[in-house]
Protein backbone atom coordinates (compact mmCIF):
# COMPACT_ATOMS: atom_id res chain seq x y z
CA MET A 1 0.04 -0.05 0.01
CA HIS A 2 1.25 3.46 -0.89
CA TYR A 3 0.49 7.07 -0.38
CA ARG A 4 -0.40 9.57 -3.17
CA ASN A 5 3.27 10.30 -3.77
CA GLY A 6 4.35 6.59 -3.98
CA ARG A 7 5.86 6.34 -0.42
CA GLU A 8 5.08 2.93 1.26
CA ALA A 9 2.33 3.19 3.87
CA LYS A 10 2.68 1.48 7.15
CA ASN A 11 0.35 1.22 10.18
CA GLY A 12 1.54 3.60 12.87
CA ASP A 13 2.49 6.49 10.40
CA LYS A 14 1.41 9.93 11.08
CA ILE A 15 -0.61 10.90 7.96
CA VAL A 16 -2.83 13.68 6.51
CA ARG A 17 -5.75 12.96 4.12
CA LEU A 18 -6.40 15.51 1.46
CA GLU A 19 -9.43 16.45 -0.44
CA GLY A 20 -9.67 19.06 -3.13
CA GLY A 21 -6.33 20.57 -1.88
CA GLU A 22 -7.34 20.80 1.71
CA ILE A 23 -6.39 18.75 4.81
CA MET A 24 -9.46 16.79 5.83
CA ALA A 25 -7.87 14.62 8.47
CA PHE A 26 -4.73 14.17 10.43
CA GLY A 27 -3.62 11.32 12.70
CA THR A 28 -2.17 7.77 12.87
CA LEU A 29 -2.83 5.21 10.32
CA GLN A 30 -4.27 1.94 11.69
CA ASP A 31 -5.95 -1.28 10.41
CA ALA A 32 -4.58 -0.81 6.87
CA THR A 33 -4.11 -4.01 4.86
CA PRO A 34 -1.28 -4.43 2.43
CA GLY A 35 -2.11 -4.54 -1.32
CA ASN A 36 -4.75 -1.81 -1.27
CA ASP A 37 -4.11 1.87 -2.07
CA TYR A 38 -7.66 3.02 -1.83
CA CYS A 39 -10.19 2.90 1.10
CA ASN A 40 -8.04 1.00 3.52
CA GLY A 41 -7.63 1.59 7.19
CA ASN A 42 -8.47 4.31 9.56
CA ILE A 43 -6.90 7.67 10.56
CA VAL A 44 -7.05 7.77 14.38
CA HIS A 45 -7.07 11.45 15.66
CA ALA A 46 -6.07 12.65 19.08
CA GLY A 47 -8.73 11.85 21.51
CA GLY A 48 -9.36 8.36 19.94
CA HIS A 49 -12.02 9.13 17.25
CA SER A 50 -11.18 7.89 13.64
CA THR A 51 -12.18 8.54 9.95
CA TYR A 52 -11.46 6.30 6.91
CA ALA A 53 -8.11 6.43 5.20
CA CYS A 54 -7.94 6.29 1.40
CA MET A 55 -4.21 5.80 0.71
CA CYS A 56 -4.31 7.51 -2.75
CA ASP A 57 -5.67 10.66 -0.88
CA CYS A 58 -3.06 10.59 1.98
CA LEU A 59 0.60 11.79 2.54
CA HIS A 60 3.01 10.93 5.33
CA ILE A 61 3.60 13.88 7.64
CA ASP A 62 7.27 13.83 6.93
CA ASP A 63 6.54 14.41 3.16
CA VAL A 64 4.22 17.24 4.04
CA ALA A 65 7.04 18.77 6.23
CA ALA A 66 9.48 18.48 3.33
CA ILE A 67 7.14 20.23 0.99
CA LEU A 68 6.74 23.17 3.51
CA ALA A 69 10.56 23.30 3.83
CA GLU A 70 11.03 23.33 0.15
CA LYS A 71 8.80 26.47 -0.06
CA GLY A 72 10.53 28.09 2.87
CA LEU A 73 7.41 27.75 5.07
CA ASN A 74 8.95 25.62 7.70
CA LYS A 75 10.15 28.62 9.85
CA ARG A 76 8.62 31.68 11.23
CA PRO A 77 9.24 34.79 9.31
CA GLU A 78 11.89 37.15 11.20
CA GLY A 79 10.62 39.69 13.45
CA MET A 80 7.35 37.92 14.27
């Protein structure tokens, strides 16, 4: 199973689910079964509730952080 950008997905990963360019969910991937890149597993949020995880709509949080760093958005602007 793989995320939108091709990275291998593993239960326990911190992920975000995207929809139309917006982050719709953030949490930990659980109950995903290898061999399926679509509706597979759950995103467990802080507090314990969960939503579905569709791997092709998700990114690993480290990949999101790398995109922010690439755009220079990983640091607060000076003087703020």
